[in-house]
Amino acid sequence: MSSGRARRGKASGGMGRRPARLSAVDRRRAILAAAKEIFLAEGYEGTTMRRIAEALGVTPTTLYLHFPDKSALLTEICDDSFAQLVVEFARADLEHAPPLEALRRLLDSYVGFGLAHPREYRLLFMTEVPPHVGGHRPVPGDGATRPDNGQIAFAALEALVRRLVDEGVFRPGDVETIAEAIWAAAHGLVSLLIAMPHFPWSERARLVDAIAEMVLRGWTRA
């Protein structure tokens, strides 16, 4: 009787049932998740498509059905991370805040994003990646039909700087250069906070205020 039940159970698909195949969408998500973890743990340059395939237990051919190379993988991973920064800037409601308050909100949002997602921040801003990945301005001749999320995020900073110049809060100057200088200052703070967490840093709000004050003293009209 027991052997008969076992045969019937196997025939009905119990223990002998094969794992369900992943859909194309789920397989793509699984590839991106595995690639992200390996890029973060082992670095982009040292990672191969074969390494990612091994982590997933599939052949490299499976990866190539979804992504032409590891650069395409990194591009999508970075774009997804930048999308989170775009959301943070949108929550700060920069357009409806007084200009100086908007600057502080932007800086606070940027620092908050970096500290909330330190591993992703390292991949975006502290890892050597191909120049076209996570670009902050359109690359001439790349044929892109829309800006990526990195470009959208940087455009928010440039738009705020342009507003500060146009309203006479900042003295006249090159908007792109000023925006780059502000980003460099904010990045310096975030990268140090991530890389040296045991240093007895001042309160985050005070550090953000200090960066904003430094920017204002450098660019505000006398």
N, C-alpha and C. Protein backbone atom coordinates (compact mmCIF):
# COMPACT_ATOMS: atom_id res chain seq x y z
N MET A 1 0.84 -1.21 0.00
CA MET A 1 0.00 0.00 0.00
C MET A 1 0.86 1.25 0.00
N SER A 2 1.93 1.23 0.84
CA SER A 2 2.75 2.43 0.93
C SER A 2 3.44 2.71 -0.39
N SER A 3 3.95 1.64 -1.07
CA SER A 3 4.63 1.88 -2.34
C SER A 3 3.65 2.36 -3.39
N GLY A 4 2.41 1.89 -3.31
CA GLY A 4 1.40 2.36 -4.26
C GLY A 4 1.10 3.82 -4.09
N ARG A 5 0.99 4.26 -2.79
CA ARG A 5 0.74 5.68 -2.54
C ARG A 5 1.90 6.52 -3.05
N ALA A 6 3.14 6.00 -2.86
CA ALA A 6 4.30 6.76 -3.33
C ALA A 6 4.27 6.91 -4.83
N ARG A 7 3.89 5.81 -5.54
CA ARG A 7 3.84 5.91 -6.99
C ARG A 7 2.79 6.90 -7.43
N ARG A 8 1.61 6.82 -6.75
CA ARG A 8 0.55 7.76 -7.11
C ARG A 8 0.96 9.19 -6.84
N GLY A 9 1.67 9.44 -5.69
CA GLY A 9 2.11 10.79 -5.37
C GLY A 9 3.05 11.32 -6.42
N LYS A 10 3.97 10.45 -6.89
CA LYS A 10 4.92 10.90 -7.90
C LYS A 10 4.22 11.18 -9.20
N ALA A 11 3.28 10.33 -9.55
CA ALA A 11 2.55 10.53 -10.80
C ALA A 11 1.73 11.79 -10.77
N SER A 12 1.23 12.16 -9.57
CA SER A 12 0.40 13.36 -9.48
C SER A 12 1.22 14.63 -9.43
N GLY A 13 2.56 14.49 -9.47
CA GLY A 13 3.39 15.70 -9.54
C GLY A 13 3.85 16.20 -8.21
N GLY A 14 3.81 15.38 -7.13
CA GLY A 14 4.22 15.84 -5.80
C GLY A 14 5.70 16.13 -5.73
N MET A 15 6.47 15.17 -5.18
CA MET A 15 7.90 15.36 -5.00
C MET A 15 8.64 15.43 -6.32
N GLY A 16 8.07 14.88 -7.37
CA GLY A 16 8.78 14.85 -8.65
C GLY A 16 8.55 16.08 -9.50
N ARG A 17 7.83 17.08 -9.00
CA ARG A 17 7.52 18.27 -9.79
C ARG A 17 8.76 19.11 -10.01
N ARG A 18 8.97 19.57 -11.24
CA ARG A 18 10.12 20.40 -11.55
C ARG A 18 9.86 21.86 -11.15
N PRO A 19 10.90 22.59 -10.76
CA PRO A 19 10.72 24.01 -10.41
C PRO A 19 10.14 24.79 -11.60
N ALA A 20 9.25 25.69 -11.29
CA ALA A 20 8.65 26.50 -12.36
C ALA A 20 9.71 27.38 -13.01
N ARG A 21 9.63 27.53 -14.32
CA ARG A 21 10.55 28.41 -15.04
C ARG A 21 10.22 29.86 -14.73
N LEU A 22 11.26 30.67 -14.65
CA LEU A 22 11.03 32.10 -14.44
C LEU A 22 10.53 32.73 -15.72
N SER A 23 9.64 33.70 -15.58
CA SER A 23 9.22 34.47 -16.75
C SER A 23 10.39 35.33 -17.21
N ALA A 24 10.29 35.87 -18.41
CA ALA A 24 11.36 36.73 -18.94
C ALA A 24 11.57 37.94 -18.03
N VAL A 25 10.48 38.50 -17.51
CA VAL A 25 10.59 39.67 -16.63
C VAL A 25 11.28 39.30 -15.33
N ASP A 26 10.88 38.17 -14.73
CA ASP A 26 11.49 37.75 -13.47
C ASP A 26 12.94 37.35 -13.67
N ARG A 27 13.25 36.72 -14.79
CA ARG A 27 14.64 36.36 -15.07
C ARG A 27 15.50 37.60 -15.20
N ARG A 28 14.97 38.62 -15.86
CA ARG A 28 15.71 39.88 -16.02
C ARG A 28 15.98 40.52 -14.65
N ARG A 29 14.97 40.52 -13.80
CA ARG A 29 15.13 41.08 -12.45
C ARG A 29 16.19 40.30 -11.67
N ALA A 30 16.16 38.98 -11.79
CA ALA A 30 17.12 38.16 -11.07
C ALA A 30 18.55 38.43 -11.55
N ILE A 31 18.71 38.62 -12.84
CA ILE A 31 20.04 38.93 -13.39
C ILE A 31 20.53 40.26 -12.86
N LEU A 32 19.66 41.26 -12.86
CA LEU A 32 20.05 42.59 -12.38
C LEU A 32 20.41 42.54 -10.89
N ALA A 33 19.63 41.80 -10.11
CA ALA A 33 19.91 41.71 -8.67
C ALA A 33 21.24 41.03 -8.41
N ALA A 34 21.52 39.96 -9.13
CA ALA A 34 22.78 39.25 -8.94
C ALA A 34 23.96 40.10 -9.39
N ALA A 35 23.81 40.75 -10.54
CA ALA A 35 24.89 41.60 -11.06
C ALA A 35 25.19 42.74 -10.11
N LYS A 36 24.16 43.35 -9.56
CA LYS A 36 24.35 44.46 -8.62
C LYS A 36 25.16 44.03 -7.41
N GLU A 37 24.81 42.88 -6.84
CA GLU A 37 25.53 42.40 -5.67
C GLU A 37 26.99 42.10 -5.99
N ILE A 38 27.25 41.53 -7.15
CA ILE A 38 28.62 41.18 -7.52
C ILE A 38 29.42 42.45 -7.83
N PHE A 39 28.80 43.41 -8.53
CA PHE A 39 29.50 44.68 -8.80
C PHE A 39 29.87 45.36 -7.49
N LEU A 40 28.95 45.35 -6.53
CA LEU A 40 29.19 46.01 -5.25
C LEU A 40 30.27 45.28 -4.45
N ALA A 41 30.27 43.97 -4.50
CA ALA A 41 31.20 43.19 -3.69
C ALA A 41 32.57 43.05 -4.33
N GLU A 42 32.62 42.92 -5.65
CA GLU A 42 33.87 42.58 -6.31
C GLU A 42 34.37 43.63 -7.29
N GLY A 43 33.57 44.68 -7.52
CA GLY A 43 33.99 45.72 -8.44
C GLY A 43 33.54 45.43 -9.86
N TYR A 44 33.34 46.49 -10.62
CA TYR A 44 32.84 46.34 -11.99
C TYR A 44 33.90 45.75 -12.90
N GLU A 45 35.12 46.26 -12.83
CA GLU A 45 36.15 45.85 -13.77
C GLU A 45 36.46 44.36 -13.68
N GLY A 46 36.47 43.83 -12.47
CA GLY A 46 36.83 42.43 -12.29
C GLY A 46 35.69 41.45 -12.50
N THR A 47 34.50 41.95 -12.79
CA THR A 47 33.34 41.08 -12.96
C THR A 47 33.15 40.71 -14.42
N THR A 48 32.82 39.47 -14.67
CA THR A 48 32.53 39.00 -16.02
C THR A 48 31.09 38.50 -16.10
N MET A 49 30.59 38.41 -17.31
CA MET A 49 29.25 37.85 -17.50
C MET A 49 29.22 36.39 -17.02
N ARG A 50 30.32 35.66 -17.22
CA ARG A 50 30.38 34.28 -16.77
C ARG A 50 30.24 34.20 -15.24
N ARG A 51 30.87 35.16 -14.54
CA ARG A 51 30.79 35.19 -13.08
C ARG A 51 29.36 35.40 -12.62
N ILE A 52 28.65 36.29 -13.28
CA ILE A 52 27.25 36.56 -12.94
C ILE A 52 26.39 35.34 -13.22
N ALA A 53 26.66 34.68 -14.36
CA ALA A 53 25.91 33.48 -14.73
C ALA A 53 26.11 32.38 -13.69
N GLU A 54 27.35 32.21 -13.24
CA GLU A 54 27.64 31.20 -12.23
C GLU A 54 26.86 31.47 -10.94
N ALA A 55 26.79 32.74 -10.55
CA ALA A 55 26.06 33.08 -9.32
C ALA A 55 24.58 32.74 -9.44
N LEU A 56 24.05 32.82 -10.64
CA LEU A 56 22.63 32.53 -10.86
C LEU A 56 22.38 31.06 -11.16
N GLY A 57 23.44 30.31 -11.45
CA GLY A 57 23.27 28.92 -11.81
C GLY A 57 22.73 28.72 -13.20
N VAL A 58 23.07 29.63 -14.11
CA VAL A 58 22.63 29.54 -15.50
C VAL A 58 23.86 29.65 -16.41
N THR A 59 23.66 29.48 -17.69
CA THR A 59 24.75 29.62 -18.64
C THR A 59 24.88 31.08 -19.05
N PRO A 60 26.07 31.52 -19.48
CA PRO A 60 26.22 32.90 -19.97
C PRO A 60 25.26 33.24 -21.10
N THR A 61 24.90 32.22 -21.89
CA THR A 61 23.97 32.45 -23.00
C THR A 61 22.65 33.01 -22.49
N THR A 62 22.20 32.53 -21.33
CA THR A 62 20.96 33.03 -20.74
C THR A 62 21.04 34.53 -20.48
N LEU A 63 22.19 34.98 -19.98
CA LEU A 63 22.37 36.41 -19.72
C LEU A 63 22.31 37.21 -21.01
N TYR A 64 22.95 36.68 -22.06
CA TYR A 64 23.01 37.41 -23.32
C TYR A 64 21.65 37.51 -24.02
N LEU A 65 20.72 36.68 -23.61
CA LEU A 65 19.37 36.80 -24.14
C LEU A 65 18.68 38.06 -23.64
N HIS A 66 19.18 38.60 -22.50
CA HIS A 66 18.56 39.77 -21.88
C HIS A 66 19.43 41.02 -21.94
N PHE A 67 20.75 40.84 -21.87
CA PHE A 67 21.67 41.98 -21.86
C PHE A 67 22.87 41.67 -22.76
N PRO A 68 23.24 42.61 -23.64
CA PRO A 68 24.35 42.34 -24.57
C PRO A 68 25.71 42.24 -23.91
N ASP A 69 25.90 42.91 -22.75
CA ASP A 69 27.19 42.89 -22.07
C ASP A 69 27.02 43.43 -20.66
N LYS A 70 28.12 43.40 -19.89
CA LYS A 70 28.02 43.85 -18.50
C LYS A 70 27.83 45.36 -18.41
N SER A 71 28.24 46.10 -19.43
CA SER A 71 28.01 47.54 -19.44
C SER A 71 26.52 47.86 -19.46
N ALA A 72 25.76 47.08 -20.22
CA ALA A 72 24.31 47.28 -20.27
C ALA A 72 23.68 46.97 -18.91
N LEU A 73 24.21 45.95 -18.25
CA LEU A 73 23.73 45.64 -16.90
C LEU A 73 23.98 46.80 -15.95
N LEU A 74 25.20 47.31 -15.95
CA LEU A 74 25.55 48.39 -15.04
C LEU A 74 24.74 49.65 -15.35
N THR A 75 24.51 49.92 -16.63
CA THR A 75 23.73 51.09 -17.01
C THR A 75 22.34 51.04 -16.40
N GLU A 76 21.69 49.88 -16.48
CA GLU A 76 20.33 49.78 -15.94
C GLU A 76 20.33 49.82 -14.41
N ILE A 77 21.33 49.20 -13.79
CA ILE A 77 21.42 49.23 -12.33
C ILE A 77 21.60 50.66 -11.84
N CYS A 78 22.50 51.41 -12.48
CA CYS A 78 22.75 52.80 -12.08
C CYS A 78 21.52 53.66 -12.33
N ASP A 79 20.85 53.43 -13.45
CA ASP A 79 19.66 54.23 -13.76
C ASP A 79 18.58 54.01 -12.71
N ASP A 80 18.43 52.78 -12.25
CA ASP A 80 17.45 52.49 -11.20
C ASP A 80 17.82 53.20 -9.89
N SER A 81 19.12 53.23 -9.56
CA SER A 81 19.56 53.90 -8.33
C SER A 81 19.36 55.41 -8.45
N PHE A 82 19.70 55.97 -9.60
CA PHE A 82 19.49 57.40 -9.81
C PHE A 82 18.00 57.76 -9.73
N ALA A 83 17.14 56.82 -10.13
CA ALA A 83 15.70 57.09 -10.05
C ALA A 83 15.29 57.37 -8.62
N GLN A 84 15.93 56.71 -7.65
CA GLN A 84 15.62 56.96 -6.24
C GLN A 84 16.03 58.38 -5.84
N LEU A 85 17.17 58.86 -6.38
CA LEU A 85 17.60 60.22 -6.09
C LEU A 85 16.63 61.23 -6.70
N VAL A 86 16.16 60.95 -7.90
CA VAL A 86 15.17 61.83 -8.55
C VAL A 86 13.92 61.93 -7.68
N VAL A 87 13.49 60.80 -7.11
CA VAL A 87 12.32 60.80 -6.22
C VAL A 87 12.58 61.66 -4.99
N GLU A 88 13.78 61.56 -4.42
CA GLU A 88 14.10 62.37 -3.23
C GLU A 88 14.07 63.86 -3.56
N PHE A 89 14.58 64.25 -4.71
CA PHE A 89 14.54 65.66 -5.11
C PHE A 89 13.09 66.11 -5.31
N ALA A 90 12.26 65.23 -5.87
CA ALA A 90 10.85 65.58 -6.07
C ALA A 90 10.15 65.77 -4.72
N ARG A 91 10.47 64.94 -3.75
CA ARG A 91 9.86 65.07 -2.42
C ARG A 91 10.26 66.38 -1.75
N ALA A 92 11.45 66.88 -2.08
CA ALA A 92 11.92 68.13 -1.47
C ALA A 92 11.16 69.35 -1.97
N ASP A 93 10.40 69.18 -3.06
CA ASP A 93 9.56 70.27 -3.59
C ASP A 93 10.39 71.54 -3.79
N LEU A 94 11.47 71.41 -4.55
CA LEU A 94 12.43 72.51 -4.73
C LEU A 94 11.82 73.72 -5.41
N GLU A 95 10.93 73.49 -6.36
CA GLU A 95 10.39 74.58 -7.16
C GLU A 95 9.54 75.54 -6.34
N HIS A 96 8.92 75.07 -5.28
CA HIS A 96 8.00 75.91 -4.51
C HIS A 96 8.61 76.46 -3.23
N ALA A 97 9.86 76.16 -2.99
CA ALA A 97 10.54 76.67 -1.80
C ALA A 97 11.29 77.95 -2.15
N PRO A 98 11.47 78.88 -1.19
CA PRO A 98 12.34 80.04 -1.44
C PRO A 98 13.70 79.54 -1.90
N PRO A 99 14.40 80.29 -2.75
CA PRO A 99 15.62 79.78 -3.38
C PRO A 99 16.68 79.26 -2.42
N LEU A 100 16.95 79.99 -1.35
CA LEU A 100 17.98 79.54 -0.42
C LEU A 100 17.54 78.30 0.35
N GLU A 101 16.26 78.24 0.69
CA GLU A 101 15.72 77.05 1.35
C GLU A 101 15.76 75.86 0.39
N ALA A 102 15.49 76.12 -0.89
CA ALA A 102 15.54 75.05 -1.89
C ALA A 102 16.95 74.47 -1.99
N LEU A 103 17.96 75.33 -1.92
CA LEU A 103 19.34 74.85 -1.97
C LEU A 103 19.63 73.93 -0.78
N ARG A 104 19.19 74.34 0.39
CA ARG A 104 19.45 73.50 1.55
C ARG A 104 18.69 72.18 1.46
N ARG A 105 17.46 72.23 0.97
CA ARG A 105 16.68 71.00 0.82
C ARG A 105 17.36 70.04 -0.16
N LEU A 106 17.86 70.59 -1.25
CA LEU A 106 18.53 69.75 -2.24
C LEU A 106 19.76 69.08 -1.63
N LEU A 107 20.58 69.87 -0.93
CA LEU A 107 21.77 69.30 -0.31
C LEU A 107 21.40 68.24 0.72
N ASP A 108 20.39 68.51 1.53
CA ASP A 108 19.96 67.55 2.55
C ASP A 108 19.44 66.27 1.90
N SER A 109 18.70 66.41 0.78
CA SER A 109 18.18 65.24 0.08
C SER A 109 19.31 64.41 -0.50
N TYR A 110 20.31 65.08 -1.05
CA TYR A 110 21.45 64.37 -1.64
C TYR A 110 22.23 63.61 -0.57
N VAL A 111 22.53 64.29 0.52
CA VAL A 111 23.27 63.65 1.61
C VAL A 111 22.45 62.50 2.20
N GLY A 112 21.17 62.72 2.39
CA GLY A 112 20.30 61.68 2.92
C GLY A 112 20.25 60.46 2.02
N PHE A 113 20.18 60.69 0.71
CA PHE A 113 20.18 59.58 -0.24
C PHE A 113 21.47 58.77 -0.12
N GLY A 114 22.61 59.46 -0.08
CA GLY A 114 23.88 58.76 0.00
C GLY A 114 24.02 57.93 1.26
N LEU A 115 23.58 58.47 2.40
CA LEU A 115 23.71 57.75 3.66
C LEU A 115 22.69 56.61 3.79
N ALA A 116 21.54 56.77 3.14
CA ALA A 116 20.53 55.71 3.17
C ALA A 116 20.89 54.56 2.23
N HIS A 117 21.68 54.85 1.20
CA HIS A 117 22.05 53.83 0.21
C HIS A 117 23.55 53.86 -0.02
N PRO A 118 24.35 53.58 1.01
CA PRO A 118 25.81 53.73 0.87
C PRO A 118 26.44 52.81 -0.15
N ARG A 119 25.94 51.59 -0.27
CA ARG A 119 26.53 50.66 -1.23
C ARG A 119 26.24 51.11 -2.66
N GLU A 120 25.00 51.54 -2.90
CA GLU A 120 24.65 52.04 -4.22
C GLU A 120 25.41 53.33 -4.53
N TYR A 121 25.60 54.17 -3.49
CA TYR A 121 26.33 55.41 -3.70
C TYR A 121 27.76 55.12 -4.11
N ARG A 122 28.37 54.12 -3.49
CA ARG A 122 29.73 53.75 -3.89
C ARG A 122 29.78 53.35 -5.36
N LEU A 123 28.77 52.59 -5.79
CA LEU A 123 28.75 52.14 -7.18
C LEU A 123 28.54 53.30 -8.13
N LEU A 124 27.68 54.25 -7.76
CA LEU A 124 27.38 55.38 -8.63
C LEU A 124 28.53 56.38 -8.72
N PHE A 125 29.14 56.69 -7.57
CA PHE A 125 30.04 57.83 -7.51
C PHE A 125 31.46 57.53 -7.04
N MET A 126 31.70 56.30 -6.57
CA MET A 126 33.01 56.01 -6.00
C MET A 126 33.64 54.78 -6.65
N THR A 127 33.13 54.39 -7.82
CA THR A 127 33.65 53.26 -8.57
C THR A 127 33.95 53.70 -9.98
N GLU A 128 35.06 53.25 -10.52
CA GLU A 128 35.40 53.60 -11.91
C GLU A 128 34.53 52.78 -12.85
N VAL A 129 33.71 53.48 -13.63
CA VAL A 129 32.81 52.82 -14.56
C VAL A 129 32.98 53.46 -15.94
N PRO A 130 32.47 52.83 -17.00
CA PRO A 130 32.56 53.42 -18.34
C PRO A 130 31.93 54.80 -18.36
N PRO A 131 32.44 55.72 -19.19
CA PRO A 131 31.97 57.11 -19.17
C PRO A 131 30.51 57.30 -19.52
N HIS A 132 29.92 56.35 -20.25
CA HIS A 132 28.52 56.53 -20.65
C HIS A 132 27.54 56.04 -19.59
N VAL A 133 28.03 55.41 -18.54
CA VAL A 133 27.14 54.85 -17.52
C VAL A 133 26.81 55.91 -16.48
N GLY A 134 25.52 56.14 -16.27
CA GLY A 134 25.11 57.09 -15.24
C GLY A 134 25.59 58.49 -15.52
N GLY A 135 25.56 58.88 -16.80
CA GLY A 135 26.05 60.20 -17.16
C GLY A 135 25.19 61.31 -16.57
N HIS A 136 25.79 62.46 -16.37
CA HIS A 136 25.06 63.59 -15.79
C HIS A 136 24.69 64.63 -16.84
N ARG A 137 25.18 64.43 -18.04
CA ARG A 137 24.77 65.25 -19.17
C ARG A 137 24.70 64.35 -20.39
N PRO A 138 23.84 64.68 -21.36
CA PRO A 138 23.79 63.85 -22.56
C PRO A 138 25.14 63.79 -23.26
N VAL A 139 25.49 62.60 -23.73
CA VAL A 139 26.74 62.44 -24.47
C VAL A 139 26.49 62.80 -25.92
N PRO A 140 27.27 63.75 -26.50
CA PRO A 140 27.04 64.15 -27.90
C PRO A 140 27.09 62.94 -28.83
N GLY A 141 26.06 62.85 -29.67
CA GLY A 141 26.04 61.81 -30.67
C GLY A 141 25.62 60.43 -30.19
N ASP A 142 25.13 60.33 -28.93
CA ASP A 142 24.77 59.00 -28.44
C ASP A 142 23.38 58.57 -28.90
N GLY A 143 22.62 59.51 -29.51
CA GLY A 143 21.33 59.16 -30.07
C GLY A 143 20.25 58.89 -29.04
N ALA A 144 20.48 59.25 -27.80
CA ALA A 144 19.49 58.99 -26.74
C ALA A 144 18.23 59.80 -26.99
N THR A 145 17.08 59.17 -26.81
CA THR A 145 15.81 59.85 -27.04
C THR A 145 15.32 60.56 -25.79
N ARG A 146 15.82 60.17 -24.63
CA ARG A 146 15.42 60.82 -23.38
C ARG A 146 16.60 60.83 -22.44
N PRO A 147 16.66 61.79 -21.53
CA PRO A 147 17.74 61.79 -20.54
C PRO A 147 17.58 60.62 -19.58
N ASP A 148 18.70 60.08 -19.11
CA ASP A 148 18.60 59.04 -18.10
C ASP A 148 18.39 59.69 -16.74
N ASN A 149 18.17 58.89 -15.72
CA ASN A 149 17.84 59.45 -14.40
C ASN A 149 19.01 60.21 -13.77
N GLY A 150 20.23 59.84 -14.11
CA GLY A 150 21.37 60.60 -13.63
C GLY A 150 21.37 62.01 -14.19
N GLN A 151 21.02 62.13 -15.47
CA GLN A 151 20.94 63.44 -16.10
C GLN A 151 19.78 64.26 -15.53
N ILE A 152 18.68 63.60 -15.24
CA ILE A 152 17.53 64.29 -14.66
C ILE A 152 17.88 64.84 -13.28
N ALA A 153 18.60 64.04 -12.48
CA ALA A 153 18.99 64.48 -11.14
C ALA A 153 19.92 65.68 -11.21
N PHE A 154 20.91 65.61 -12.09
CA PHE A 154 21.84 66.73 -12.19
C PHE A 154 21.15 67.97 -12.76
N ALA A 155 20.19 67.76 -13.65
CA ALA A 155 19.44 68.89 -14.22
C ALA A 155 18.66 69.63 -13.14
N ALA A 156 18.22 68.91 -12.09
CA ALA A 156 17.51 69.57 -10.99
C ALA A 156 18.44 70.54 -10.28
N LEU A 157 19.70 70.14 -10.08
CA LEU A 157 20.68 71.04 -9.45
C LEU A 157 20.97 72.23 -10.36
N GLU A 158 21.17 71.98 -11.63
CA GLU A 158 21.45 73.08 -12.56
C GLU A 158 20.28 74.06 -12.63
N ALA A 159 19.06 73.54 -12.62
CA ALA A 159 17.88 74.42 -12.68
C ALA A 159 17.82 75.31 -11.43
N LEU A 160 18.17 74.76 -10.29
CA LEU A 160 18.15 75.55 -9.06
C LEU A 160 19.23 76.62 -9.10
N VAL A 161 20.41 76.27 -9.57
CA VAL A 161 21.48 77.26 -9.67
C VAL A 161 21.09 78.36 -10.65
N ARG A 162 20.49 77.99 -11.76
CA ARG A 162 20.06 79.00 -12.73
C ARG A 162 19.03 79.95 -12.10
N ARG A 163 18.15 79.39 -11.31
CA ARG A 163 17.16 80.22 -10.61
C ARG A 163 17.85 81.19 -9.65
N LEU A 164 18.84 80.71 -8.91
CA LEU A 164 19.56 81.56 -7.97
C LEU A 164 20.30 82.69 -8.69
N VAL A 165 20.83 82.40 -9.85
CA VAL A 165 21.52 83.43 -10.63
C VAL A 165 20.51 84.41 -11.22
N ASP A 166 19.44 83.88 -11.83
CA ASP A 166 18.44 84.73 -12.48
C ASP A 166 17.74 85.66 -11.49
N GLU A 167 17.54 85.20 -10.25
CA GLU A 167 16.85 86.02 -9.25
C GLU A 167 17.81 86.93 -8.50
N GLY A 168 19.07 86.89 -8.89
CA GLY A 168 20.03 87.80 -8.29
C GLY A 168 20.55 87.38 -6.93
N VAL A 169 20.22 86.17 -6.50
CA VAL A 169 20.73 85.67 -5.22
C VAL A 169 22.22 85.34 -5.37
N PHE A 170 22.56 84.66 -6.46
CA PHE A 170 23.95 84.40 -6.80
C PHE A 170 24.42 85.47 -7.78
N ARG A 171 25.69 85.81 -7.70
CA ARG A 171 26.23 86.74 -8.69
C ARG A 171 26.32 86.02 -10.04
N PRO A 172 26.37 86.75 -11.15
CA PRO A 172 26.44 86.11 -12.45
C PRO A 172 27.64 85.17 -12.55
N GLY A 173 27.44 84.06 -13.19
CA GLY A 173 28.50 83.08 -13.36
C GLY A 173 28.03 81.94 -14.22
N ASP A 174 28.93 81.05 -14.56
CA ASP A 174 28.59 79.90 -15.39
C ASP A 174 27.79 78.89 -14.57
N VAL A 175 26.55 78.66 -14.96
CA VAL A 175 25.64 77.81 -14.19
C VAL A 175 26.19 76.40 -14.06
N GLU A 176 26.70 75.85 -15.15
CA GLU A 176 27.19 74.48 -15.11
C GLU A 176 28.36 74.33 -14.14
N THR A 177 29.27 75.31 -14.17
CA THR A 177 30.43 75.24 -13.29
C THR A 177 30.02 75.35 -11.83
N ILE A 178 29.10 76.28 -11.54
CA ILE A 178 28.63 76.43 -10.15
C ILE A 178 27.96 75.15 -9.68
N ALA A 179 27.13 74.56 -10.55
CA ALA A 179 26.44 73.31 -10.19
C ALA A 179 27.45 72.21 -9.91
N GLU A 180 28.48 72.12 -10.74
CA GLU A 180 29.50 71.09 -10.53
C GLU A 180 30.23 71.30 -9.21
N ALA A 181 30.51 72.56 -8.87
CA ALA A 181 31.21 72.86 -7.61
C ALA A 181 30.35 72.49 -6.41
N ILE A 182 29.05 72.75 -6.49
CA ILE A 182 28.15 72.39 -5.39
C ILE A 182 28.08 70.88 -5.24
N TRP A 183 27.97 70.18 -6.36
CA TRP A 183 27.93 68.72 -6.33
C TRP A 183 29.23 68.17 -5.73
N ALA A 184 30.37 68.75 -6.12
CA ALA A 184 31.66 68.28 -5.60
C ALA A 184 31.72 68.43 -4.08
N ALA A 185 31.21 69.55 -3.58
CA ALA A 185 31.22 69.78 -2.14
C ALA A 185 30.31 68.77 -1.42
N ALA A 186 29.13 68.55 -1.97
CA ALA A 186 28.20 67.60 -1.35
C ALA A 186 28.75 66.17 -1.42
N HIS A 187 29.34 65.84 -2.56
CA HIS A 187 29.91 64.49 -2.71
C HIS A 187 31.05 64.28 -1.72
N GLY A 188 31.88 65.30 -1.53
CA GLY A 188 32.96 65.18 -0.58
C GLY A 188 32.46 64.83 0.81
N LEU A 189 31.37 65.49 1.21
CA LEU A 189 30.79 65.21 2.53
C LEU A 189 30.26 63.79 2.60
N VAL A 190 29.46 63.39 1.60
CA VAL A 190 28.85 62.06 1.64
C VAL A 190 29.92 60.97 1.61
N SER A 191 30.91 61.11 0.73
CA SER A 191 31.92 60.07 0.61
C SER A 191 32.73 59.92 1.90
N LEU A 192 33.00 61.02 2.58
CA LEU A 192 33.71 60.94 3.85
C LEU A 192 32.85 60.30 4.94
N LEU A 193 31.58 60.66 4.97
CA LEU A 193 30.68 60.07 5.96
C LEU A 193 30.56 58.56 5.77
N ILE A 194 30.57 58.12 4.49
CA ILE A 194 30.48 56.70 4.20
C ILE A 194 31.80 55.99 4.50
N ALA A 195 32.90 56.60 4.07
CA ALA A 195 34.20 55.94 4.18
C ALA A 195 34.77 55.98 5.60
N MET A 196 34.37 56.98 6.39
CA MET A 196 34.91 57.12 7.74
C MET A 196 33.79 57.24 8.78
N PRO A 197 32.99 56.20 8.92
CA PRO A 197 31.83 56.28 9.82
C PRO A 197 32.20 56.42 11.29
N HIS A 198 33.43 56.05 11.67
CA HIS A 198 33.81 56.08 13.08
C HIS A 198 34.43 57.42 13.49
N PHE A 199 34.61 58.32 12.53
CA PHE A 199 35.09 59.65 12.90
C PHE A 199 33.99 60.36 13.67
N PRO A 200 34.33 61.13 14.71
CA PRO A 200 33.29 61.80 15.51
C PRO A 200 32.70 63.01 14.78
N TRP A 201 31.91 62.74 13.75
CA TRP A 201 31.34 63.81 12.94
C TRP A 201 30.34 64.65 13.73
N SER A 202 30.19 65.90 13.32
CA SER A 202 29.13 66.75 13.86
C SER A 202 27.79 66.23 13.37
N GLU A 203 26.73 66.76 13.92
CA GLU A 203 25.39 66.37 13.50
C GLU A 203 25.22 66.63 12.01
N ARG A 204 24.53 65.71 11.34
CA ARG A 204 24.37 65.82 9.89
C ARG A 204 23.77 67.16 9.47
N ALA A 205 22.74 67.64 10.16
CA ALA A 205 22.10 68.90 9.80
C ALA A 205 23.09 70.06 9.85
N ARG A 206 23.98 70.04 10.85
CA ARG A 206 24.97 71.10 10.97
C ARG A 206 25.98 71.04 9.83
N LEU A 207 26.33 69.81 9.41
CA LEU A 207 27.25 69.67 8.29
C LEU A 207 26.63 70.16 6.99
N VAL A 208 25.37 69.83 6.79
CA VAL A 208 24.68 70.30 5.58
C VAL A 208 24.58 71.82 5.60
N ASP A 209 24.25 72.40 6.74
CA ASP A 209 24.19 73.86 6.85
C ASP A 209 25.55 74.49 6.54
N ALA A 210 26.62 73.84 6.99
CA ALA A 210 27.96 74.37 6.75
C ALA A 210 28.29 74.37 5.26
N ILE A 211 27.91 73.29 4.57
CA ILE A 211 28.13 73.22 3.12
C ILE A 211 27.32 74.31 2.42
N ALA A 212 26.05 74.46 2.82
CA ALA A 212 25.21 75.50 2.21
C ALA A 212 25.80 76.88 2.46
N GLU A 213 26.26 77.13 3.68
CA GLU A 213 26.85 78.42 4.01
C GLU A 213 28.12 78.66 3.18
N MET A 214 28.92 77.65 3.00
CA MET A 214 30.13 77.78 2.19
C MET A 214 29.79 78.14 0.75
N VAL A 215 28.77 77.47 0.20
CA VAL A 215 28.33 77.77 -1.17
C VAL A 215 27.83 79.20 -1.27
N LEU A 216 27.02 79.60 -0.29
CA LEU A 216 26.44 80.94 -0.33
C LEU A 216 27.52 82.02 -0.23
N ARG A 217 28.46 81.81 0.66
CA ARG A 217 29.54 82.80 0.81
C ARG A 217 30.37 82.90 -0.47
N GLY A 218 30.46 81.78 -1.17
CA GLY A 218 31.26 81.79 -2.39
C GLY A 218 30.58 82.43 -3.57
N TRP A 219 29.22 82.36 -3.61
CA TRP A 219 28.53 82.80 -4.83
C TRP A 219 27.51 83.91 -4.61
N THR A 220 27.13 84.19 -3.37
CA THR A 220 26.13 85.23 -3.15
C THR A 220 26.71 86.60 -3.50
N ARG A 221 25.85 87.47 -4.03
CA ARG A 221 26.28 88.83 -4.34
C ARG A 221 26.80 89.52 -3.07
N ALA A 222 27.83 90.31 -3.21
CA ALA A 222 28.40 91.04 -2.06
C ALA A 222 27.41 92.11 -1.62
